[in-house]
Each structure stands twice: as C-alpha cells, then as structure tokens.
C-alpha atoms as a PDB file:
ATOM      1  CA  MET A   1    -101.450  31.497-114.144  1.00  0.00           C
ATOM      2  CA  SER A   2    -101.313  28.892-116.746  1.00  0.00           C
ATOM      3  CA  PRO A   3    -103.788  29.150-119.623  1.00  0.00           C
ATOM      4  CA  SER A   4    -106.862  27.352-119.702  1.00  0.00           C
ATOM      5  CA  VAL A   5    -106.392  23.629-120.370  1.00  0.00           C
ATOM      6  CA  THR A   6    -107.636  21.863-123.479  1.00  0.00           C
ATOM      7  CA  GLN A   7    -106.237  18.320-122.461  1.00  0.00           C
ATOM      8  CA  ALA A   8    -107.919  15.993-120.121  1.00  0.00           C
ATOM      9  CA  PRO A   9    -106.227  16.093-116.753  1.00  0.00           C
ATOM     10  CA  LEU A  10    -103.795  13.865-115.414  1.00  0.00           C
ATOM     11  CA  ALA A  11    -104.693  12.732-111.991  1.00  0.00           C
ATOM     12  CA  ILE A  12    -102.482  10.662-109.452  1.00  0.00           C
ATOM     13  CA  LEU A  13    -103.596   8.907-106.361  1.00  0.00           C
ATOM     14  CA  GLY A  14    -100.626   7.648-104.324  1.00  0.00           C
ATOM     15  CA  GLY A  15    -100.460   5.180-101.577  1.00  0.00           C
ATOM     16  CA  THR A  16     -98.533   2.096-100.252  1.00  0.00           C
ATOM     17  CA  PHE A  17    -101.514  -0.353-101.731  1.00  0.00           C
ATOM     18  CA  ASP A  18    -100.531  -2.883 -99.226  1.00  0.00           C
ATOM     19  CA  PRO A  19    -102.742  -4.435-100.628  1.00  0.00           C
ATOM     20  CA  VAL A  20    -105.027  -2.177-102.815  1.00  0.00           C
ATOM     21  CA  HIS A  21    -108.533  -3.115-101.974  1.00  0.00           C
ATOM     22  CA  ILE A  22    -111.975  -2.072-103.540  1.00  0.00           C
ATOM     23  CA  GLY A  23    -112.136   1.187-101.582  1.00  0.00           C
ATOM     24  CA  HIS A  24    -109.088   2.326-103.277  1.00  0.00           C
ATOM     25  CA  LEU A  25    -110.323   1.633-106.541  1.00  0.00           C
ATOM     26  CA  ARG A  26    -113.520   2.856-106.251  1.00  0.00           C
ATOM     27  CA  VAL A  27    -112.752   6.381-105.152  1.00  0.00           C
ATOM     28  CA  ALA A  28    -110.098   6.678-107.728  1.00  0.00           C
ATOM     29  CA  LEU A  29    -112.810   5.638-110.442  1.00  0.00           C
ATOM     30  CA  GLU A  30    -115.227   8.144-108.956  1.00  0.00           C
ATOM     31  CA  ALA A  31    -112.401  10.820-108.944  1.00  0.00           C
ATOM     32  CA  ALA A  32    -111.402   9.956-112.759  1.00  0.00           C
ATOM     33  CA  ASP A  33    -115.182  10.346-113.702  1.00  0.00           C
ATOM     34  CA  ALA A  34    -115.667  13.689-111.873  1.00  0.00           C
ATOM     35  CA  LEU A  35    -112.540  15.121-113.302  1.00  0.00           C
ATOM     36  CA  ALA A  36    -112.994  13.325-116.930  1.00  0.00           C
ATOM     37  CA  SER A  37    -109.143  12.535-116.405  1.00  0.00           C
ATOM     38  CA  GLU A  38    -106.575   9.987-116.841  1.00  0.00           C
ATOM     39  CA  LEU A  39    -105.988   8.502-113.482  1.00  0.00           C
ATOM     40  CA  ARG A  40    -102.837   6.559-112.272  1.00  0.00           C
ATOM     41  CA  LEU A  41    -102.365   4.730-109.346  1.00  0.00           C
ATOM     42  CA  MET A  42     -98.819   5.409-107.990  1.00  0.00           C
ATOM     43  CA  PRO A  43     -97.532   2.928-105.432  1.00  0.00           C
ATOM     44  CA  ALA A  44     -94.961   4.280-102.961  1.00  0.00           C
ATOM     45  CA  SER A  45     -91.630   2.878-102.061  1.00  0.00           C
ATOM     46  CA  VAL A  46     -90.426   4.140 -98.829  1.00  0.00           C
ATOM     47  CA  PRO A  47     -93.486   6.307 -97.426  1.00  0.00           C
ATOM     48  CA  PRO A  48     -92.121   9.088 -95.176  1.00  0.00           C
ATOM     49  CA  HIS A  49     -95.293   9.282 -92.776  1.00  0.00           C
ATOM     50  CA  ARG A  50     -96.347   5.629 -92.093  1.00  0.00           C
ATOM     51  CA  GLU A  51     -95.131   2.252 -91.413  1.00  0.00           C
ATOM     52  CA  GLN A  52     -93.221   0.240 -94.197  1.00  0.00           C
ATOM     53  CA  PRO A  53     -95.227  -1.930 -96.385  1.00  0.00           C
ATOM     54  CA  VAL A  54     -95.597  -5.753 -95.663  1.00  0.00           C
ATOM     55  CA  ALA A  55     -95.299  -6.917 -99.257  1.00  0.00           C
ATOM     56  CA  THR A  56     -92.313  -5.863-101.314  1.00  0.00           C
ATOM     57  CA  ALA A  57     -92.493  -3.365-104.289  1.00  0.00           C
ATOM     58  CA  SER A  58     -92.806  -6.167-106.703  1.00  0.00           C
ATOM     59  CA  GLN A  59     -95.471  -7.842-104.839  1.00  0.00           C
ATOM     60  CA  ARG A  60     -97.560  -4.894-104.647  1.00  0.00           C
ATOM     61  CA  VAL A  61     -97.116  -4.174-108.297  1.00  0.00           C
ATOM     62  CA  ALA A  62     -98.267  -7.728-109.141  1.00  0.00           C
ATOM     63  CA  ILE A  63    -101.496  -7.234-107.079  1.00  0.00           C
ATOM     64  CA  LEU A  64    -102.006  -3.852-108.804  1.00  0.00           C
ATOM     65  CA  ARG A  65    -101.764  -5.096-112.159  1.00  0.00           C
ATOM     66  CA  ALA A  66    -104.200  -8.250-111.333  1.00  0.00           C
ATOM     67  CA  ALA A  67    -106.489  -5.383-110.000  1.00  0.00           C
ATOM     68  CA  LEU A  68    -106.554  -3.345-112.864  1.00  0.00           C
ATOM     69  CA  ALA A  69    -106.695  -6.027-115.594  1.00  0.00           C
ATOM     70  CA  GLY A  70    -109.484  -5.857-117.810  1.00  0.00           C
ATOM     71  CA  GLN A  71    -110.385  -2.022-117.794  1.00  0.00           C
ATOM     72  CA  ASP A  72    -108.463   1.020-119.240  1.00  0.00           C
ATOM     73  CA  ARG A  73    -109.913   3.591-116.862  1.00  0.00           C
ATOM     74  CA  LEU A  74    -107.347   3.598-114.251  1.00  0.00           C
ATOM     75  CA  LYS A  75    -103.503   2.916-114.979  1.00  0.00           C
ATOM     76  CA  LEU A  76    -100.544   1.909-112.897  1.00  0.00           C
ATOM     77  CA  ASP A  77     -97.579   4.178-112.635  1.00  0.00           C
ATOM     78  CA  ALA A  78     -94.741   2.611-110.798  1.00  0.00           C
ATOM     79  CA  ARG A  79     -92.125   5.329-111.011  1.00  0.00           C
ATOM     80  CA  GLU A  80     -91.606   5.744-107.413  1.00  0.00           C
ATOM     81  CA  LEU A  81     -90.614   2.318-106.822  1.00  0.00           C
ATOM     82  CA  SER A  82     -87.580   2.706-108.985  1.00  0.00           C
ATOM     83  CA  ARG A  83     -86.201   5.274-106.931  1.00  0.00           C
ATOM     84  CA  SER A  84     -83.824   4.794-103.968  1.00  0.00           C
ATOM     85  CA  GLY A  85     -84.647   6.157-100.649  1.00  0.00           C
ATOM     86  CA  ARG A  86     -87.852   7.724 -99.479  1.00  0.00           C
ATOM     87  CA  SER A  87     -90.940   8.815-101.649  1.00  0.00           C
ATOM     88  CA  TYR A  88     -91.280  12.252-101.839  1.00  0.00           C
ATOM     89  CA  THR A  89     -94.576  13.592-103.666  1.00  0.00           C
ATOM     90  CA  ILE A  90     -92.903  16.868-104.728  1.00  0.00           C
ATOM     91  CA  ASP A  91     -90.279  14.899-106.586  1.00  0.00           C
ATOM     92  CA  THR A  92     -92.895  12.998-108.380  1.00  0.00           C
ATOM     93  CA  LEU A  93     -94.795  16.198-109.396  1.00  0.00           C
ATOM     94  CA  ILE A  94     -91.668  17.738-110.791  1.00  0.00           C
ATOM     95  CA  GLU A  95     -90.900  14.893-112.871  1.00  0.00           C
ATOM     96  CA  LEU A  96     -94.421  14.633-114.271  1.00  0.00           C
ATOM     97  CA  ARG A  97     -94.507  18.148-115.032  1.00  0.00           C
ATOM     98  CA  GLN A  98     -91.337  17.860-117.075  1.00  0.00           C
ATOM     99  CA  GLU A  99     -93.003  15.180-118.940  1.00  0.00           C
ATOM    100  CA  ILE A 100     -96.343  16.644-119.789  1.00  0.00           C
ATOM    101  CA  GLY A 101     -95.404  20.288-119.756  1.00  0.00           C
ATOM    102  CA  ARG A 102     -96.933  23.282-118.083  1.00  0.00           C
ATOM    103  CA  ASP A 103    -100.108  23.757-119.692  1.00  0.00           C
ATOM    104  CA  ARG A 104    -101.742  20.338-118.940  1.00  0.00           C
ATOM    105  CA  SER A 105    -103.983  19.990-115.727  1.00  0.00           C
ATOM    106  CA  LEU A 106    -102.012  17.924-112.922  1.00  0.00           C
ATOM    107  CA  VAL A 107    -104.300  16.871-109.923  1.00  0.00           C
ATOM    108  CA  LEU A 108    -102.808  15.396-106.846  1.00  0.00           C
ATOM    109  CA  LEU A 109    -105.507  13.308-105.306  1.00  0.00           C
ATOM    110  CA  LEU A 110    -105.338  13.255-101.403  1.00  0.00           C
ATOM    111  CA  GLY A 111    -107.630  11.592 -98.649  1.00  0.00           C
ATOM    112  CA  ARG A 112    -108.892  13.980 -96.164  1.00  0.00           C
ATOM    113  CA  ASP A 113    -106.643  13.174 -93.374  1.00  0.00           C
ATOM    114  CA  ALA A 114    -103.448  13.313 -95.568  1.00  0.00           C
ATOM    115  CA  PHE A 115    -104.601  16.562 -96.843  1.00  0.00           C
ATOM    116  CA  CYS A 116    -105.163  17.825 -93.364  1.00  0.00           C
ATOM    117  CA  GLY A 117    -101.765  16.898 -92.452  1.00  0.00           C
ATOM    118  CA  LEU A 118     -99.982  18.349 -95.563  1.00  0.00           C
ATOM    119  CA  SER A 119     -97.940  20.837 -93.292  1.00  0.00           C
ATOM    120  CA  SER A 120     -95.662  18.049 -92.320  1.00  0.00           C
ATOM    121  CA  TRP A 121     -94.945  16.943 -95.761  1.00  0.00           C
ATOM    122  CA  HIS A 122     -91.598  17.365 -97.268  1.00  0.00           C
ATOM    123  CA  ARG A 123     -91.477  20.830 -99.287  1.00  0.00           C
ATOM    124  CA  TRP A 124     -95.303  20.926 -99.028  1.00  0.00           C
ATOM    125  CA  ARG A 125     -95.702  24.504-100.105  1.00  0.00           C
ATOM    126  CA  GLU A 126     -94.108  23.916-103.365  1.00  0.00           C
ATOM    127  CA  LEU A 127     -96.903  21.168-104.163  1.00  0.00           C
ATOM    128  CA  LEU A 128     -99.286  23.614-105.624  1.00  0.00           C
ATOM    129  CA  GLU A 129     -96.637  25.111-107.907  1.00  0.00           C
ATOM    130  CA  HIS A 130     -96.871  21.976-109.966  1.00  0.00           C
ATOM    131  CA  ALA A 131    -100.539  20.520-109.362  1.00  0.00           C
ATOM    132  CA  HIS A 132    -103.899  20.999-108.110  1.00  0.00           C
ATOM    133  CA  ILE A 133    -104.839  19.174-105.220  1.00  0.00           C
ATOM    134  CA  GLY A 134    -108.073  17.397-105.066  1.00  0.00           C
ATOM    135  CA  ILE A 135    -109.354  16.081-101.723  1.00  0.00           C
ATOM    136  CA  LEU A 136    -111.308  13.004-101.692  1.00  0.00           C
ATOM    137  CA  SER A 137    -114.119  14.114 -99.268  1.00  0.00           C
ATOM    138  CA  ARG A 138    -116.978  11.632 -97.610  1.00  0.00           C
ATOM    139  CA  PRO A 139    -120.105  13.198 -96.603  1.00  0.00           C
ATOM    140  CA  GLY A 140    -120.131  14.628 -93.006  1.00  0.00           C
ATOM    141  CA  HIS A 141    -116.290  14.823 -92.633  1.00  0.00           C
ATOM    142  CA  ALA A 142    -114.988  18.541 -92.297  1.00  0.00           C
ATOM    143  CA  LEU A 143    -111.618  19.514 -93.345  1.00  0.00           C
ATOM    144  CA  ASP A 144    -109.696  20.162 -89.840  1.00  0.00           C
ATOM    145  CA  MET A 145    -106.508  22.166 -91.146  1.00  0.00           C
ATOM    146  CA  ASP A 146    -104.003  23.445 -89.007  1.00  0.00           C
ATOM    147  CA  ASP A 147    -103.311  27.557 -89.309  1.00  0.00           C
ATOM    148  CA  GLU A 148    -100.095  27.073 -91.337  1.00  0.00           C
ATOM    149  CA  LEU A 149    -102.096  24.819 -93.823  1.00  0.00           C
ATOM    150  CA  ALA A 150    -105.262  27.139 -93.826  1.00  0.00           C
ATOM    151  CA  SER A 151    -103.101  30.274 -94.363  1.00  0.00           C
ATOM    152  CA  GLN A 152    -101.466  28.879 -97.509  1.00  0.00           C
ATOM    153  CA  VAL A 153    -104.728  27.147 -99.388  1.00  0.00           C
ATOM    154  CA  SER A 154    -107.740  28.883 -97.815  1.00  0.00           C
ATOM    155  CA  SER A 155    -107.926  31.373-100.766  1.00  0.00           C
ATOM    156  CA  ARG A 156    -107.103  28.581-103.466  1.00  0.00           C
ATOM    157  CA  PHE A 157    -110.413  26.672-103.209  1.00  0.00           C
ATOM    158  CA  ILE A 158    -112.552  26.291-106.264  1.00  0.00           C
ATOM    159  CA  SER A 159    -115.487  23.940-107.215  1.00  0.00           C
ATOM    160  CA  ALA A 160    -114.286  20.615-108.848  1.00  0.00           C
ATOM    161  CA  THR A 161    -116.579  21.327-111.663  1.00  0.00           C
ATOM    162  CA  SER A 162    -114.540  24.410-112.565  1.00  0.00           C
ATOM    163  CA  VAL A 163    -111.068  22.950-112.658  1.00  0.00           C
ATOM    164  CA  ALA A 164    -110.715  23.481-116.515  1.00  0.00           C
ATOM    165  CA  ASP A 165    -110.970  27.135-116.010  1.00  0.00           C
ATOM    166  CA  HIS A 166    -108.390  27.658-113.577  1.00  0.00           C
ATOM    167  CA  GLY A 167    -105.258  26.615-115.326  1.00  0.00           C
ATOM    168  CA  ALA A 168    -103.058  23.638-114.805  1.00  0.00           C
ATOM    169  CA  PHE A 169    -101.910  23.967-111.272  1.00  0.00           C
ATOM    170  CA  GLY A 170    -102.167  26.045-107.992  1.00  0.00           C
ATOM    171  CA  LYS A 171    -105.965  25.322-106.938  1.00  0.00           C
ATOM    172  CA  VAL A 172    -107.495  23.137-104.202  1.00  0.00           C
ATOM    173  CA  PHE A 173    -110.955  21.481-104.597  1.00  0.00           C
ATOM    174  CA  GLU A 174    -113.023  18.707-102.902  1.00  0.00           C
ATOM    175  CA  ILE A 175    -114.459  15.609-104.802  1.00  0.00           C
ATOM    176  CA  ALA A 176    -117.254  13.687-103.243  1.00  0.00           C
ATOM    177  CA  VAL A 177    -116.694   9.872-103.028  1.00  0.00           C
ATOM    178  CA  SER A 178    -118.422   6.985-101.807  1.00  0.00           C
ATOM    179  CA  ALA A 179    -117.996   6.395 -98.097  1.00  0.00           C
ATOM    180  CA  LEU A 180    -116.360   2.827 -98.326  1.00  0.00           C
ATOM    181  CA  GLU A 181    -114.531   2.195 -94.630  1.00  0.00           C
ATOM    182  CA  ILE A 182    -112.311  -0.459 -96.062  1.00  0.00           C
ATOM    183  CA  SER A 183    -108.845  -1.065 -94.551  1.00  0.00           C
ATOM    184  CA  ALA A 184    -105.730  -2.323 -95.732  1.00  0.00           C
ATOM    185  CA  THR A 185    -104.470  -2.966 -92.322  1.00  0.00           C
ATOM    186  CA  ALA A 186    -107.723  -4.815 -91.419  1.00  0.00           C
ATOM    187  CA  ILE A 187    -107.459  -6.856 -94.493  1.00  0.00           C
ATOM    188  CA  ARG A 188    -103.776  -7.762 -93.516  1.00  0.00           C
ATOM    189  CA  GLU A 189    -105.149  -8.963 -90.309  1.00  0.00           C
ATOM    190  CA  LEU A 190    -108.001 -10.868 -91.618  1.00  0.00           C
ATOM    191  CA  LEU A 191    -105.482 -12.715 -94.079  1.00  0.00           C
ATOM    192  CA  ARG A 192    -103.118 -13.379 -91.507  1.00  0.00           C
ATOM    193  CA  ARG A 193    -105.886 -15.173 -89.493  1.00  0.00           C
ATOM    194  CA  GLY A 194    -107.025 -17.075 -92.405  1.00  0.00           C
ATOM    195  CA  GLY A 195    -109.946 -14.986 -93.004  1.00  0.00           C
ATOM    196  CA  ASN A 196    -111.604 -14.713 -96.623  1.00  0.00           C
ATOM    197  CA  PRO A 197    -111.022 -11.195 -98.055  1.00  0.00           C
ATOM    198  CA  ARG A 198    -113.740 -11.895-100.853  1.00  0.00           C
ATOM    199  CA  TYR A 199    -115.694  -8.472-101.782  1.00  0.00           C
ATOM    200  CA  LEU A 200    -112.839  -6.491-100.065  1.00  0.00           C
ATOM    201  CA  LEU A 201    -110.311  -6.981-102.552  1.00  0.00           C
ATOM    202  CA  PRO A 202    -110.891  -7.238-106.310  1.00  0.00           C
ATOM    203  CA  ASP A 203    -111.903 -10.942-107.601  1.00  0.00           C
ATOM    204  CA  ALA A 204    -108.688 -11.055-109.628  1.00  0.00           C
ATOM    205  CA  VAL A 205    -106.536 -10.920-106.407  1.00  0.00           C
ATOM    206  CA  VAL A 206    -108.563 -13.202-104.238  1.00  0.00           C
ATOM    207  CA  ASP A 207    -108.562 -15.718-106.891  1.00  0.00           C
ATOM    208  CA  ASP A 208    -104.666 -15.865-107.246  1.00  0.00           C
ATOM    209  CA  ALA A 209    -103.562 -17.389-104.059  1.00  0.00           C
ATOM    210  CA  SER A 210     -99.707 -16.426-105.045  1.00  0.00           C
ATOM    211  CA  LEU A 211    -100.669 -12.629-104.590  1.00  0.00           C
ATOM    212  CA  LEU A 212    -101.897 -13.061-100.867  1.00  0.00           C
ATOM    213  CA  MET A 213     -98.698 -14.822 -99.942  1.00  0.00           C
ATOM    214  CA  PRO A 214     -97.057 -11.777 -98.400  1.00  0.00           C
ATOM    215  CA  TYR A 215     -99.889 -11.319 -96.004  1.00  0.00           C
ATOM    216  CA  SER A 216    -100.867 -14.871 -94.677  1.00  0.00           C
ATOM    217  CA  SER A 217     -99.578 -18.464 -94.270  1.00  0.00           C
ATOM    218  CA  SER A 218     -99.933 -21.056 -97.047  1.00  0.00           C
ATOM    219  CA  ARG A 219    -102.338 -22.698 -95.166  1.00  0.00           C
ATOM    220  CA  ALA A 220    -104.456 -19.765 -94.686  1.00  0.00           C
ATOM    221  CA  VAL A 221    -104.173 -18.964 -98.527  1.00  0.00           C
ATOM    222  CA  ASP A 222    -105.285 -22.530 -99.231  1.00  0.00           C
ATOM    223  CA  ALA A 223    -108.401 -22.315 -97.134  1.00  0.00           C
ATOM    224  CA  ILE A 224    -109.269 -19.009 -99.097  1.00  0.00           C
ATOM    225  CA  SER A 225    -108.559 -20.323-102.598  1.00  0.00           C
ATOM    226  CA  GLY A 226    -109.905 -23.759-101.863  1.00  0.00           C
END
C-alpha cells in the first residue's frame, strides 16, 4: 500500500458533458469539498458505453470553459479529446499516475449507475491499481452490484472521511451529493423544441447563443437569447 498522502487528492469526473449542466457542476463541487481535493472535469472523446455526443469535442470544450469561468474550484482537463479512438478510463489513470507519481491520492468519481456497471468496462480490474473510486451517491439509492464486481470491491470500502489514511489508490467509498435529477438528454430535447434551458445550464452558457447551436435551430436559439 502507498504511504499516507500529504498532498491534496486529485479527483476526476468524466462524462460526455453534452452539454454540461448544473447537476454535473453541483455534484463536482460537493465532491471536491468533501475530499478537500483538486477536481478536474474530463470530457470523453468517444465513450465506449453510450451514444456518441451531439456536439463536437471543440464545442463541448467551449461550453465547459464558459461554465467554469469565474471560479477556480473546478478545472477542465481535455486530455481524452486529443486521443484517437475510444476513451478508456484505464489509459487516463495510467497517464495521470505517470504525471503525479505514486504517492498522491487519485480519485475516480463515478455515478452510482456507472459504478454498478463497472464490470463491463475495459480492463476494469486495473482501475484500483491506480486510483480510489468515489461513488457519487444520492439518498435512498442502494448499490446494485453484480457478483463479479462485488467480489472485487466489497473488502475495499472505506469511509470518505478516512481517504487520507488509506494511501493513494485501491479503496472504494461513497460521497453523498445532492439529488438533482437533471438530464443532458432532456436538455437537448428541450433545446431542439426551442425551450428555454435557464436554471438547468449555467448562465454563462445560456447567455451565449453560439454555445447552444449544436442542440437547436438558429430560430430556437434566437428565441432563448431574445
């Protein structure tokens, strides 16, 4: 096991962010505060387990930059967008470990559903050789793990408050976050129909009509911004 960590943890939260919305940002902020960590939002290029993004990589980065402007708690890490082919989390964790060394705590943040489906991921058993896994949990939702996943992680669970005492990788814990039921899919449909996404997306995104163009017609965007 790695020695106790003295540096602030590095936490990463991946996703297509198509588009990033206030639900993403709120749970990221709560996780960063719970872990007293640096937190990076990491947009995926070609996600293996879901439909491909509507917006291009550069468009999603532009939305994220606007959403994160004016604060320094959450940061953007676009490294996966520079790779060719599919975005595999194991490759990202290996790359980050090479950059930060073996002694700094690295936390892979996953939603409950993503965690429970972990046994379908590429080289998933290796993830804990490089990082802890923090599960973003909402009240009233149990972890429905399959037998294969449960056999690998059941003995690794710790309290989120004791992460600093358990080295730089290899443990699993839950982080309680706000239950904001906001869907990027629903937001895309709202925009397609010409609806107003105010209070679902950050103001800086709503106020820049060009950022919403991938999801709606010019007439719909004009109606939102007018």
